């Protein structure tokens, strides 16, 4: 009898840890524009949308190289229609730099984003 309870307990523990692989993956929550403004004077909030894996890795390198100028970031390789409309995006990938009050810079080339971040004359 004890072995029956023990076996049942083990089976319940194993099954409770399993998840169905057919469950849909949650999509990233839509962009909240007010949370994208930099909270620190002299630092930027970066947005990267519509990127593939390689571009995401390159974006991370740009982020790491310029960490002292960045207050936060948002990266989404598959933005939804709400995000695209809120940010007025028509082509991807797109990289956006946002200051404490407004969008400062927008480009579809990561090299231009990197150059912008390295150019001190653009600091807010």
PDB file of N, CA and C in Angstrom:
ATOM      1  N   UNK A   1       0.811  -1.183   0.000  1.00  0.00           N
ATOM      2  CA  UNK A   1       0.000   0.000   0.000  1.00  0.00           C
ATOM      3  C   UNK A   1       0.865   1.261   0.000  1.00  0.00           C
ATOM      4  N   UNK A   2       1.948   1.241   0.798  1.00  0.00           N
ATOM      5  CA  UNK A   2       2.835   2.395   0.840  1.00  0.00           C
ATOM      6  C   UNK A   2       3.470   2.630  -0.523  1.00  0.00           C
ATOM      7  N   UNK A   3       3.812   1.560  -1.202  1.00  0.00           N
ATOM      8  CA  UNK A   3       4.441   1.711  -2.511  1.00  0.00           C
ATOM      9  C   UNK A   3       3.457   2.311  -3.513  1.00  0.00           C
ATOM     10  N   UNK A   4       2.180   2.019  -3.380  1.00  0.00           N
ATOM     11  CA  UNK A   4       1.157   2.593  -4.257  1.00  0.00           C
ATOM     12  C   UNK A   4       1.087   4.111  -4.046  1.00  0.00           C
ATOM     13  N   UNK A   5       1.085   4.553  -2.778  1.00  0.00           N
ATOM     14  CA  UNK A   5       1.040   5.983  -2.481  1.00  0.00           C
ATOM     15  C   UNK A   5       2.309   6.674  -2.967  1.00  0.00           C
ATOM     16  N   UNK A   6       3.438   6.044  -2.749  1.00  0.00           N
ATOM     17  CA  UNK A   6       4.706   6.608  -3.179  1.00  0.00           C
ATOM     18  C   UNK A   6       4.754   6.729  -4.698  1.00  0.00           C
ATOM     19  N   UNK A   7       4.322   5.700  -5.401  1.00  0.00           N
ATOM     20  CA  UNK A   7       4.291   5.717  -6.864  1.00  0.00           C
ATOM     21  C   UNK A   7       3.333   6.800  -7.356  1.00  0.00           C
ATOM     22  N   UNK A   8       2.176   6.930  -6.719  1.00  0.00           N
ATOM     23  CA  UNK A   8       1.201   7.960  -7.102  1.00  0.00           C
ATOM     24  C   UNK A   8       1.772   9.355  -6.881  1.00  0.00           C
ATOM     25  N   UNK A   9       2.438   9.542  -5.757  1.00  0.00           N
ATOM     26  CA  UNK A   9       3.030  10.835  -5.448  1.00  0.00           C
ATOM     27  C   UNK A   9       4.106  11.203  -6.471  1.00  0.00           C
ATOM     28  N   UNK A  10       4.952  10.265  -6.818  1.00  0.00           N
ATOM     29  CA  UNK A  10       6.006  10.504  -7.807  1.00  0.00           C
ATOM     30  C   UNK A  10       5.397  10.827  -9.164  1.00  0.00           C
ATOM     31  N   UNK A  11       4.363  10.097  -9.558  1.00  0.00           N
ATOM     32  CA  UNK A  11       3.697  10.332 -10.842  1.00  0.00           C
ATOM     33  C   UNK A  11       3.057  11.718 -10.876  1.00  0.00           C
ATOM     34  N   UNK A  12       2.434  12.122  -9.793  1.00  0.00           N
ATOM     35  CA  UNK A  12       1.813  13.450  -9.729  1.00  0.00           C
ATOM     36  C   UNK A  12       2.878  14.535  -9.833  1.00  0.00           C
ATOM     37  N   UNK A  13       4.003  14.339  -9.172  1.00  0.00           N
ATOM     38  CA  UNK A  13       5.083  15.329  -9.217  1.00  0.00           C
ATOM     39  C   UNK A  13       5.655  15.449 -10.621  1.00  0.00           C
ATOM     40  N   UNK A  14       5.810  14.333 -11.291  1.00  0.00           N
ATOM     41  CA  UNK A  14       6.356  14.347 -12.643  1.00  0.00           C
ATOM     42  C   UNK A  14       5.389  15.033 -13.598  1.00  0.00           C
ATOM     43  N   UNK A  15       4.110  14.688 -13.528  1.00  0.00           N
ATOM     44  CA  UNK A  15       3.127  15.256 -14.436  1.00  0.00           C
ATOM     45  C   UNK A  15       2.871  16.737 -14.168  1.00  0.00           C
ATOM     46  N   UNK A  16       2.984  17.157 -12.944  1.00  0.00           N
ATOM     47  CA  UNK A  16       2.745  18.565 -12.640  1.00  0.00           C
ATOM     48  C   UNK A  16       3.856  19.451 -13.199  1.00  0.00           C
ATOM     49  N   UNK A  17       5.010  18.898 -13.439  1.00  0.00           N
ATOM     50  CA  UNK A  17       6.124  19.668 -13.991  1.00  0.00           C
ATOM     51  C   UNK A  17       6.113  19.727 -15.497  1.00  0.00           C
ATOM     52  N   UNK A  18       5.272  18.956 -16.144  1.00  0.00           N
ATOM     53  CA  UNK A  18       5.222  18.922 -17.607  1.00  0.00           C
ATOM     54  C   UNK A  18       4.308  20.010 -18.133  1.00  0.00           C
ATOM     55  N   UNK A  19       4.693  20.575 -19.265  1.00  0.00           N
ATOM     56  CA  UNK A  19       3.867  21.558 -19.947  1.00  0.00           C
ATOM     57  C   UNK A  19       3.600  21.054 -21.346  1.00  0.00           C
ATOM     58  N   UNK A  20       2.473  21.420 -21.851  1.00  0.00           N
ATOM     59  CA  UNK A  20       2.133  21.049 -23.218  1.00  0.00           C
ATOM     60  C   UNK A  20       2.964  21.886 -24.178  1.00  0.00           C
ATOM     61  N   UNK A  21       3.591  21.254 -25.146  1.00  0.00           N
ATOM     62  CA  UNK A  21       4.396  21.991 -26.120  1.00  0.00           C
ATOM     63  C   UNK A  21       3.520  22.663 -27.169  1.00  0.00           C
ATOM     64  N   UNK A  22       2.223  22.377 -27.155  1.00  0.00           N
ATOM     65  CA  UNK A  22       1.313  22.983 -28.110  1.00  0.00           C
ATOM     66  C   UNK A  22       0.800  24.345 -27.643  1.00  0.00           C
ATOM     67  N   UNK A  23       1.147  24.736 -26.419  1.00  0.00           N
ATOM     68  CA  UNK A  23       0.699  26.020 -25.921  1.00  0.00           C
ATOM     69  C   UNK A  23       1.383  27.121 -26.715  1.00  0.00           C
ATOM     70  N   UNK A  24       0.635  28.152 -27.113  1.00  0.00           N
ATOM     71  CA  UNK A  24       1.263  29.237 -27.860  1.00  0.00           C
ATOM     72  C   UNK A  24       2.196  30.035 -26.968  1.00  0.00           C
ATOM     73  N   UNK A  25       3.271  30.529 -27.575  1.00  0.00           N
ATOM     74  CA  UNK A  25       4.210  31.368 -26.845  1.00  0.00           C
ATOM     75  C   UNK A  25       3.574  32.734 -26.651  1.00  0.00           C
ATOM     76  N   UNK A  26       3.729  33.296 -25.478  1.00  0.00           N
ATOM     77  CA  UNK A  26       3.174  34.634 -25.286  1.00  0.00           C
ATOM     78  C   UNK A  26       3.947  35.649 -26.120  1.00  0.00           C
ATOM     79  N   UNK A  27       3.225  36.540 -26.762  1.00  0.00           N
ATOM     80  CA  UNK A  27       3.894  37.568 -27.540  1.00  0.00           C
ATOM     81  C   UNK A  27       4.287  38.699 -26.600  1.00  0.00           C
ATOM     82  N   UNK A  28       5.352  39.419 -26.961  1.00  0.00           N
ATOM     83  CA  UNK A  28       5.750  40.530 -26.099  1.00  0.00           C
ATOM     84  C   UNK A  28       4.600  41.519 -25.953  1.00  0.00           C
ATOM     85  N   UNK A  29       4.488  42.115 -24.800  1.00  0.00           N
ATOM     86  CA  UNK A  29       3.407  43.066 -24.585  1.00  0.00           C
ATOM     87  C   UNK A  29       3.626  44.283 -25.464  1.00  0.00           C
ATOM     88  N   UNK A  30       2.546  44.915 -25.893  1.00  0.00           N
ATOM     89  CA  UNK A  30       2.681  46.071 -26.767  1.00  0.00           C
ATOM     90  C   UNK A  30       3.483  47.190 -26.115  1.00  0.00           C
ATOM     91  N   UNK A  31       4.052  47.999 -26.951  1.00  0.00           N
ATOM     92  CA  UNK A  31       4.893  49.100 -26.514  1.00  0.00           C
ATOM     93  C   UNK A  31       4.093  50.096 -25.685  1.00  0.00           C
ATOM     94  N   UNK A  32       4.643  50.493 -24.569  1.00  0.00           N
ATOM     95  CA  UNK A  32       4.093  51.572 -23.764  1.00  0.00           C
ATOM     96  C   UNK A  32       5.020  52.759 -23.973  1.00  0.00           C
ATOM     97  N   UNK A  33       4.584  53.710 -24.802  1.00  0.00           N
ATOM     98  CA  UNK A  33       5.457  54.813 -25.186  1.00  0.00           C
ATOM     99  C   UNK A  33       5.979  55.608 -23.998  1.00  0.00           C
ATOM    100  N   UNK A  34       5.163  55.784 -22.986  1.00  0.00           N
ATOM    101  CA  UNK A  34       5.614  56.587 -21.850  1.00  0.00           C
ATOM    102  C   UNK A  34       6.762  55.924 -21.099  1.00  0.00           C
ATOM    103  N   UNK A  35       6.875  54.610 -21.192  1.00  0.00           N
ATOM    104  CA  UNK A  35       7.970  53.921 -20.504  1.00  0.00           C
ATOM    105  C   UNK A  35       9.250  53.912 -21.335  1.00  0.00           C
ATOM    106  N   UNK A  36       9.200  54.455 -22.545  1.00  0.00           N
ATOM    107  CA  UNK A  36      10.375  54.452 -23.414  1.00  0.00           C
ATOM    108  C   UNK A  36      11.216  55.714 -23.307  1.00  0.00           C
ATOM    109  N   UNK A  37      10.744  56.699 -22.586  1.00  0.00           N
ATOM    110  CA  UNK A  37      11.569  57.893 -22.414  1.00  0.00           C
ATOM    111  C   UNK A  37      12.674  57.594 -21.410  1.00  0.00           C
ATOM    112  N   UNK A  38      13.845  58.125 -21.690  1.00  0.00           N
ATOM    113  CA  UNK A  38      14.959  57.954 -20.772  1.00  0.00           C
ATOM    114  C   UNK A  38      14.631  58.654 -19.467  1.00  0.00           C
ATOM    115  N   UNK A  39      14.947  58.013 -18.375  1.00  0.00           N
ATOM    116  CA  UNK A  39      14.700  58.610 -17.065  1.00  0.00           C
ATOM    117  C   UNK A  39      15.931  59.348 -16.545  1.00  0.00           C
ATOM    118  N   UNK A  40      17.020  59.281 -17.310  1.00  0.00           N
ATOM    119  CA  UNK A  40      18.268  59.914 -16.883  1.00  0.00           C
ATOM    120  C   UNK A  40      18.726  60.935 -17.910  1.00  0.00           C
ATOM    121  N   UNK A  41      18.926  62.144 -17.461  1.00  0.00           N
ATOM    122  CA  UNK A  41      19.424  63.197 -18.332  1.00  0.00           C
ATOM    123  C   UNK A  41      20.785  62.783 -18.885  1.00  0.00           C
ATOM    124  N   UNK A  42      20.982  62.963 -20.194  1.00  0.00           N
ATOM    125  CA  UNK A  42      22.260  62.613 -20.813  1.00  0.00           C
ATOM    126  C   UNK A  42      22.354  61.161 -21.247  1.00  0.00           C
ATOM    127  N   UNK A  43      21.268  60.398 -21.065  1.00  0.00           N
ATOM    128  CA  UNK A  43      21.247  58.996 -21.500  1.00  0.00           C
ATOM    129  C   UNK A  43      20.046  58.757 -22.410  1.00  0.00           C
ATOM    130  N   UNK A  44      20.136  57.693 -23.207  1.00  0.00           N
ATOM    131  CA  UNK A  44      19.115  57.384 -24.191  1.00  0.00           C
ATOM    132  C   UNK A  44      18.393  56.079 -23.873  1.00  0.00           C
ATOM    133  N   UNK A  45      17.200  55.957 -24.431  1.00  0.00           N
ATOM    134  CA  UNK A  45      16.465  54.695 -24.433  1.00  0.00           C
ATOM    135  C   UNK A  45      16.496  54.222 -25.884  1.00  0.00           C
ATOM    136  N   UNK A  46      16.929  52.982 -26.130  1.00  0.00           N
ATOM    137  CA  UNK A  46      17.039  52.444 -27.483  1.00  0.00           C
ATOM    138  C   UNK A  46      15.913  51.470 -27.776  1.00  0.00           C
ATOM    139  N   UNK A  47      15.404  51.533 -29.010  1.00  0.00           N
ATOM    140  CA  UNK A  47      14.358  50.622 -29.468  1.00  0.00           C
ATOM    141  C   UNK A  47      14.846  49.975 -30.756  1.00  0.00           C
ATOM    142  N   UNK A  48      14.731  48.651 -30.843  1.00  0.00           N
ATOM    143  CA  UNK A  48      15.083  47.920 -32.060  1.00  0.00           C
ATOM    144  C   UNK A  48      13.912  46.999 -32.393  1.00  0.00           C
ATOM    145  N   UNK A  49      13.333  47.187 -33.566  1.00  0.00           N
ATOM    146  CA  UNK A  49      12.177  46.382 -33.966  1.00  0.00           C
ATOM    147  C   UNK A  49      12.403  45.753 -35.334  1.00  0.00           C
ATOM    148  N   UNK A  50      11.884  44.551 -35.509  1.00  0.00           N
ATOM    149  CA  UNK A  50      11.956  43.853 -36.784  1.00  0.00           C
ATOM    150  C   UNK A  50      13.325  43.305 -37.108  1.00  0.00           C
ATOM    151  N   UNK A  51      14.073  42.949 -36.099  1.00  0.00           N
ATOM    152  CA  UNK A  51      15.434  42.456 -36.295  1.00  0.00           C
ATOM    153  C   UNK A  51      15.462  40.929 -36.347  1.00  0.00           C
ATOM    154  N   UNK A  52      16.455  40.411 -37.051  1.00  0.00           N
ATOM    155  CA  UNK A  52      16.665  38.962 -37.050  1.00  0.00           C
ATOM    156  C   UNK A  52      17.719  38.633 -35.989  1.00  0.00           C
ATOM    157  N   UNK A  53      18.047  37.370 -35.832  1.00  0.00           N
ATOM    158  CA  UNK A  53      18.986  36.954 -34.776  1.00  0.00           C
ATOM    159  C   UNK A  53      20.354  37.620 -34.914  1.00  0.00           C
ATOM    160  N   UNK A  54      20.863  37.693 -36.125  1.00  0.00           N
ATOM    161  CA  UNK A  54      22.176  38.300 -36.347  1.00  0.00           C
ATOM    162  C   UNK A  54      22.148  39.786 -35.988  1.00  0.00           C
ATOM    163  N   UNK A  55      21.093  40.483 -36.393  1.00  0.00           N
ATOM    164  CA  UNK A  55      20.964  41.901 -36.073  1.00  0.00           C
ATOM    165  C   UNK A  55      20.812  42.115 -34.565  1.00  0.00           C
ATOM    166  N   UNK A  56      20.132  41.195 -33.899  1.00  0.00           N
ATOM    167  CA  UNK A  56      19.972  41.300 -32.447  1.00  0.00           C
ATOM    168  C   UNK A  56      21.321  41.164 -31.736  1.00  0.00           C
ATOM    169  N   UNK A  57      22.168  40.257 -32.242  1.00  0.00           N
ATOM    170  CA  UNK A  57      23.507  40.118 -31.668  1.00  0.00           C
ATOM    171  C   UNK A  57      24.342  41.379 -31.901  1.00  0.00           C
ATOM    172  N   UNK A  58      24.243  41.937 -33.099  1.00  0.00           N
ATOM    173  CA  UNK A  58      24.971  43.161 -33.406  1.00  0.00           C
ATOM    174  C   UNK A  58      24.440  44.327 -32.571  1.00  0.00           C
ATOM    175  N   UNK A  59      23.116  44.377 -32.375  1.00  0.00           N
ATOM    176  CA  UNK A  59      22.519  45.410 -31.530  1.00  0.00           C
ATOM    177  C   UNK A  59      23.055  45.301 -30.107  1.00  0.00           C
ATOM    178  N   UNK A  60      23.181  44.085 -29.617  1.00  0.00           N
ATOM    179  CA  UNK A  60      23.712  43.870 -28.267  1.00  0.00           C
ATOM    180  C   UNK A  60      25.148  44.378 -28.164  1.00  0.00           C
ATOM    181  N   UNK A  61      25.936  44.188 -29.223  1.00  0.00           N
ATOM    182  CA  UNK A  61      27.312  44.696 -29.224  1.00  0.00           C
ATOM    183  C   UNK A  61      27.339  46.217 -29.170  1.00  0.00           C
ATOM    184  N   UNK A  62      26.468  46.859 -29.960  1.00  0.00           N
ATOM    185  CA  UNK A  62      26.374  48.317 -29.944  1.00  0.00           C
ATOM    186  C   UNK A  62      25.942  48.785 -28.558  1.00  0.00           C
ATOM    187  N   UNK A  63      24.976  48.089 -27.985  1.00  0.00           N
ATOM    188  CA  UNK A  63      24.499  48.405 -26.636  1.00  0.00           C
ATOM    189  C   UNK A  63      25.657  48.322 -25.639  1.00  0.00           C
ATOM    190  N   UNK A  64      26.395  47.225 -25.689  1.00  0.00           N
ATOM    191  CA  UNK A  64      27.504  47.015 -24.750  1.00  0.00           C
ATOM    192  C   UNK A  64      28.601  48.073 -24.908  1.00  0.00           C
ATOM    193  N   UNK A  65      28.890  48.455 -26.157  1.00  0.00           N
ATOM    194  CA  UNK A  65      29.927  49.461 -26.417  1.00  0.00           C
ATOM    195  C   UNK A  65      29.534  50.840 -25.905  1.00  0.00           C
ATOM    196  N   UNK A  66      28.235  51.091 -25.807  1.00  0.00           N
ATOM    197  CA  UNK A  66      27.741  52.419 -25.451  1.00  0.00           C
ATOM    198  C   UNK A  66      26.944  52.424 -24.159  1.00  0.00           C
ATOM    199  N   UNK A  67      27.171  51.455 -23.311  1.00  0.00           N
ATOM    200  CA  UNK A  67      26.370  51.258 -22.104  1.00  0.00           C
ATOM    201  C   UNK A  67      26.295  52.509 -21.229  1.00  0.00           C
ATOM    202  N   UNK A  68      27.360  53.309 -21.216  1.00  0.00           N
ATOM    203  CA  UNK A  68      27.366  54.496 -20.363  1.00  0.00           C
ATOM    204  C   UNK A  68      26.397  55.575 -20.856  1.00  0.00           C
ATOM    205  N   UNK A  69      25.921  55.452 -22.105  1.00  0.00           N
ATOM    206  CA  UNK A  69      25.000  56.437 -22.674  1.00  0.00           C
ATOM    207  C   UNK A  69      23.565  55.920 -22.761  1.00  0.00           C
ATOM    208  N   UNK A  70      23.324  54.711 -22.251  1.00  0.00           N
ATOM    209  CA  UNK A  70      22.025  54.067 -22.434  1.00  0.00           C
ATOM    210  C   UNK A  70      21.325  53.852 -21.097  1.00  0.00           C
ATOM    211  N   UNK A  71      20.072  54.307 -21.031  1.00  0.00           N
ATOM    212  CA  UNK A  71      19.266  54.152 -19.816  1.00  0.00           C
ATOM    213  C   UNK A  71      18.402  52.894 -19.874  1.00  0.00           C
ATOM    214  N   UNK A  72      18.122  52.392 -21.076  1.00  0.00           N
ATOM    215  CA  UNK A  72      17.304  51.196 -21.216  1.00  0.00           C
ATOM    216  C   UNK A  72      17.110  50.871 -22.686  1.00  0.00           C
ATOM    217  N   UNK A  73      16.461  49.722 -22.952  1.00  0.00           N
ATOM    218  CA  UNK A  73      16.237  49.346 -24.344  1.00  0.00           C
ATOM    219  C   UNK A  73      15.024  48.431 -24.461  1.00  0.00           C
ATOM    220  N   UNK A  74      14.506  48.361 -25.684  1.00  0.00           N
ATOM    221  CA  UNK A  74      13.399  47.470 -26.017  1.00  0.00           C
ATOM    222  C   UNK A  74      13.750  46.833 -27.345  1.00  0.00           C
ATOM    223  N   UNK A  75      13.739  45.509 -27.399  1.00  0.00           N
ATOM    224  CA  UNK A  75      14.100  44.763 -28.600  1.00  0.00           C
ATOM    225  C   UNK A  75      12.989  43.774 -28.904  1.00  0.00           C
ATOM    226  N   UNK A  76      12.443  43.822 -30.111  1.00  0.00           N
ATOM    227  CA  UNK A  76      11.390  42.895 -30.515  1.00  0.00           C
ATOM    228  C   UNK A  76      11.556  42.584 -31.989  1.00  0.00           C
ATOM    229  N   UNK A  77      11.899  41.347 -32.288  1.00  0.00           N
ATOM    230  CA  UNK A  77      12.087  40.926 -33.664  1.00  0.00           C
ATOM    231  C   UNK A  77      10.797  40.775 -34.443  1.00  0.00           C
ATOM    232  N   UNK A  78       9.681  40.626 -33.746  1.00  0.00           N
ATOM    233  CA  UNK A  78       8.382  40.433 -34.395  1.00  0.00           C
ATOM    234  C   UNK A  78       7.334  41.372 -33.798  1.00  0.00           C
ATOM    235  N   UNK A  79       7.440  42.660 -34.077  1.00  0.00           N
ATOM    236  CA  UNK A  79       6.479  43.598 -33.496  1.00  0.00           C
ATOM    237  C   UNK A  79       5.084  43.385 -34.074  1.00  0.00           C
ATOM    238  N   UNK A  80       4.074  43.689 -33.272  1.00  0.00           N
ATOM    239  CA  UNK A  80       2.697  43.563 -33.748  1.00  0.00           C
ATOM    240  C   UNK A  80       2.244  44.885 -34.360  1.00  0.00           C
ATOM    241  N   UNK A  81       1.055  44.891 -34.923  1.00  0.00           N
ATOM    242  CA  UNK A  81       0.531  46.073 -35.607  1.00  0.00           C
ATOM    243  C   UNK A  81       0.405  47.272 -34.674  1.00  0.00           C
ATOM    244  N   UNK A  82       0.035  47.033 -33.428  1.00  0.00           N
ATOM    245  CA  UNK A  82      -0.120  48.130 -32.468  1.00  0.00           C
ATOM    246  C   UNK A  82       1.219  48.838 -32.270  1.00  0.00           C
ATOM    247  N   UNK A  83       2.288  48.064 -32.099  1.00  0.00           N
ATOM    248  CA  UNK A  83       3.617  48.648 -31.913  1.00  0.00           C
ATOM    249  C   UNK A  83       4.035  49.444 -33.151  1.00  0.00           C
ATOM    250  N   UNK A  84       3.795  48.873 -34.307  1.00  0.00           N
ATOM    251  CA  UNK A  84       4.187  49.544 -35.544  1.00  0.00           C
ATOM    252  C   UNK A  84       3.443  50.861 -35.719  1.00  0.00           C
ATOM    253  N   UNK A  85       2.154  50.861 -35.396  1.00  0.00           N
ATOM    254  CA  UNK A  85       1.361  52.089 -35.526  1.00  0.00           C
ATOM    255  C   UNK A  85       1.765  53.124 -34.487  1.00  0.00           C
ATOM    256  N   UNK A  86       1.944  52.708 -33.243  1.00  0.00           N
ATOM    257  CA  UNK A  86       2.309  53.653 -32.177  1.00  0.00           C
ATOM    258  C   UNK A  86       3.625  54.347 -32.469  1.00  0.00           C
ATOM    259  N   UNK A  87       4.554  53.625 -33.071  1.00  0.00           N
ATOM    260  CA  UNK A  87       5.877  54.195 -33.342  1.00  0.00           C
ATOM    261  C   UNK A  87       6.034  54.682 -34.782  1.00  0.00           C
ATOM    262  N   UNK A  88       4.934  54.620 -35.559  1.00  0.00           N
ATOM    263  CA  UNK A  88       4.931  55.094 -36.947  1.00  0.00           C
ATOM    264  C   UNK A  88       6.032  54.421 -37.779  1.00  0.00           C
ATOM    265  N   UNK A  89       6.031  53.094 -37.758  1.00  0.00           N
ATOM    266  CA  UNK A  89       7.053  52.313 -38.460  1.00  0.00           C
ATOM    267  C   UNK A  89       6.460  51.707 -39.720  1.00  0.00           C
ATOM    268  N   UNK A  90       7.172  51.912 -40.836  1.00  0.00           N
ATOM    269  CA  UNK A  90       6.717  51.395 -42.127  1.00  0.00           C
ATOM    270  C   UNK A  90       7.675  50.376 -42.718  1.00  0.00           C
ATOM    271  N   UNK A  91       8.943  50.429 -42.315  1.00  0.00           N
ATOM    272  CA  UNK A  91       9.944  49.486 -42.802  1.00  0.00           C
ATOM    273  C   UNK A  91      10.775  48.992 -41.634  1.00  0.00           C
ATOM    274  N   UNK A  92      11.238  47.753 -41.750  1.00  0.00           N
ATOM    275  CA  UNK A  92      12.050  47.165 -40.681  1.00  0.00           C
ATOM    276  C   UNK A  92      13.285  46.530 -41.272  1.00  0.00           C
ATOM    277  N   UNK A  93      14.340  46.381 -40.514  1.00  0.00           N
ATOM    278  CA  UNK A  93      14.464  46.731 -39.103  1.00  0.00           C
ATOM    279  C   UNK A  93      14.532  48.239 -38.925  1.00  0.00           C
ATOM    280  N   UNK A  94      14.245  48.666 -37.717  1.00  0.00           N
ATOM    281  CA  UNK A  94      14.341  50.078 -37.375  1.00  0.00           C
ATOM    282  C   UNK A  94      14.949  50.196 -35.986  1.00  0.00           C
ATOM    283  N   UNK A  95      15.802  51.200 -35.844  1.00  0.00           N
ATOM    284  CA  UNK A  95      16.464  51.488 -34.579  1.00  0.00           C
ATOM    285  C   UNK A  95      16.112  52.924 -34.208  1.00  0.00           C
ATOM    286  N   UNK A  96      15.600  53.116 -33.003  1.00  0.00           N
ATOM    287  CA  UNK A  96      15.131  54.431 -32.565  1.00  0.00           C
ATOM    288  C   UNK A  96      15.848  54.808 -31.272  1.00  0.00           C
ATOM    289  N   UNK A  97      16.272  56.051 -31.198  1.00  0.00           N
ATOM    290  CA  UNK A  97      16.898  56.591 -29.995  1.00  0.00           C
ATOM    291  C   UNK A  97      15.926  57.607 -29.407  1.00  0.00           C
ATOM    292  N   UNK A  98      15.591  57.434 -28.136  1.00  0.00           N
ATOM    293  CA  UNK A  98      14.639  58.310 -27.462  1.00  0.00           C
ATOM    294  C   UNK A  98      15.335  58.954 -26.270  1.00  0.00           C
ATOM    295  N   UNK A  99      15.154  60.267 -26.142  1.00  0.00           N
ATOM    296  CA  UNK A  99      15.717  61.007 -25.016  1.00  0.00           C
ATOM    297  C   UNK A  99      14.725  61.071 -23.870  1.00  0.00           C
ATOM    298  N   UNK A 100      14.841  62.078 -23.045  1.00  0.00           N
ATOM    299  CA  UNK A 100      13.962  62.204 -21.879  1.00  0.00           C
ATOM    300  C   UNK A 100      12.578  62.735 -22.242  1.00  0.00           C
ATOM    301  N   UNK A 101      12.435  63.349 -23.434  1.00  0.00           N
ATOM    302  CA  UNK A 101      11.152  63.939 -23.797  1.00  0.00           C
ATOM    303  C   UNK A 101      10.640  63.567 -25.178  1.00  0.00           C
ATOM    304  N   UNK A 102      11.529  63.112 -26.073  1.00  0.00           N
ATOM    305  CA  UNK A 102      11.092  62.855 -27.441  1.00  0.00           C
ATOM    306  C   UNK A 102      12.066  61.924 -28.168  1.00  0.00           C
ATOM    307  N   UNK A 103      11.628  61.478 -29.340  1.00  0.00           N
ATOM    308  CA  UNK A 103      12.502  60.702 -30.214  1.00  0.00           C
ATOM    309  C   UNK A 103      13.576  61.633 -30.759  1.00  0.00           C
ATOM    310  N   UNK A 104      14.819  61.139 -30.746  1.00  0.00           N
ATOM    311  CA  UNK A 104      15.947  61.970 -31.169  1.00  0.00           C
ATOM    312  C   UNK A 104      16.522  61.521 -32.507  1.00  0.00           C
ATOM    313  N   UNK A 105      16.499  60.213 -32.749  1.00  0.00           N
ATOM    314  CA  UNK A 105      17.167  59.682 -33.941  1.00  0.00           C
ATOM    315  C   UNK A 105      16.481  58.388 -34.347  1.00  0.00           C
ATOM    316  N   UNK A 106      16.402  58.150 -35.675  1.00  0.00           N
ATOM    317  CA  UNK A 106      15.808  56.921 -36.199  1.00  0.00           C
ATOM    318  C   UNK A 106      16.582  56.514 -37.446  1.00  0.00           C
ATOM    319  N   UNK A 107      16.878  55.214 -37.556  1.00  0.00           N
ATOM    320  CA  UNK A 107      17.594  54.709 -38.721  1.00  0.00           C
ATOM    321  C   UNK A 107      17.238  53.242 -38.948  1.00  0.00           C
ATOM    322  N   UNK A 108      17.527  52.779 -40.141  1.00  0.00           N
ATOM    323  CA  UNK A 108      17.351  51.352 -40.419  1.00  0.00           C
ATOM    324  C   UNK A 108      18.706  50.653 -40.546  1.00  0.00           C
ATOM    325  N   UNK A 109      19.773  51.379 -40.239  1.00  0.00           N
ATOM    326  CA  UNK A 109      21.125  50.820 -40.302  1.00  0.00           C
ATOM    327  C   UNK A 109      21.782  50.859 -38.926  1.00  0.00           C
ATOM    328  N   UNK A 110      22.198  49.716 -38.459  1.00  0.00           N
ATOM    329  CA  UNK A 110      22.829  49.619 -37.145  1.00  0.00           C
ATOM    330  C   UNK A 110      24.131  50.413 -37.078  1.00  0.00           C
ATOM    331  N   UNK A 111      24.847  50.482 -38.191  1.00  0.00           N
ATOM    332  CA  UNK A 111      26.097  51.257 -38.209  1.00  0.00           C
ATOM    333  C   UNK A 111      25.819  52.743 -37.968  1.00  0.00           C
ATOM    334  N   UNK A 112      24.698  53.250 -38.474  1.00  0.00           N
ATOM    335  CA  UNK A 112      24.331  54.648 -38.239  1.00  0.00           C
ATOM    336  C   UNK A 112      23.958  54.871 -36.770  1.00  0.00           C
ATOM    337  N   UNK A 113      23.287  53.899 -36.176  1.00  0.00           N
ATOM    338  CA  UNK A 113      22.964  53.986 -34.751  1.00  0.00           C
ATOM    339  C   UNK A 113      24.254  54.048 -33.935  1.00  0.00           C
ATOM    340  N   UNK A 114      25.188  53.176 -34.251  1.00  0.00           N
ATOM    341  CA  UNK A 114      26.458  53.142 -33.536  1.00  0.00           C
ATOM    342  C   UNK A 114      27.200  54.471 -33.694  1.00  0.00           C
ATOM    343  N   UNK A 115      27.214  55.013 -34.912  1.00  0.00           N
ATOM    344  CA  UNK A 115      27.877  56.297 -35.153  1.00  0.00           C
ATOM    345  C   UNK A 115      27.200  57.405 -34.358  1.00  0.00           C
ATOM    346  N   UNK A 116      25.889  57.407 -34.315  1.00  0.00           N
ATOM    347  CA  UNK A 116      25.146  58.407 -33.548  1.00  0.00           C
ATOM    348  C   UNK A 116      25.531  58.350 -32.071  1.00  0.00           C
ATOM    349  N   UNK A 117      25.590  57.145 -31.522  1.00  0.00           N
ATOM    350  CA  UNK A 117      25.912  56.994 -30.114  1.00  0.00           C
ATOM    351  C   UNK A 117      27.357  57.380 -29.800  1.00  0.00           C
ATOM    352  N   UNK A 118      28.244  57.221 -30.776  1.00  0.00           N
ATOM    353  CA  UNK A 118      29.649  57.581 -30.568  1.00  0.00           C
ATOM    354  C   UNK A 118      29.900  59.074 -30.748  1.00  0.00           C
ATOM    355  N   UNK A 119      29.005  59.765 -31.423  1.00  0.00           N
ATOM    356  CA  UNK A 119      29.170  61.186 -31.719  1.00  0.00           C
ATOM    357  C   UNK A 119      28.661  62.018 -30.550  1.00  0.00           C
ATOM    358  N   UNK A 120      29.564  62.582 -29.773  1.00  0.00           N
ATOM    359  CA  UNK A 120      29.200  63.313 -28.554  1.00  0.00           C
ATOM    360  C   UNK A 120      28.379  64.574 -28.800  1.00  0.00           C
ATOM    361  N   UNK A 121      28.398  65.111 -30.007  1.00  0.00           N
ATOM    362  CA  UNK A 121      27.648  66.368 -30.223  1.00  0.00           C
ATOM    363  C   UNK A 121      26.132  66.142 -30.150  1.00  0.00           C
ATOM    364  N   UNK A 122      25.673  64.882 -30.187  1.00  0.00           N
ATOM    365  CA  UNK A 122      24.249  64.600 -30.140  1.00  0.00           C
ATOM    366  C   UNK A 122      23.732  64.346 -28.723  1.00  0.00           C
ATOM    367  N   UNK A 123      24.595  64.395 -27.741  1.00  0.00           N
ATOM    368  CA  UNK A 123      24.129  64.130 -26.376  1.00  0.00           C
ATOM    369  C   UNK A 123      23.048  65.132 -25.995  1.00  0.00           C
ATOM    370  N   UNK A 124      21.962  64.647 -25.381  1.00  0.00           N
ATOM    371  CA  UNK A 124      20.857  65.543 -25.018  1.00  0.00           C
ATOM    372  C   UNK A 124      21.263  66.488 -23.894  1.00  0.00           C
TER     373      UNK A 124
END
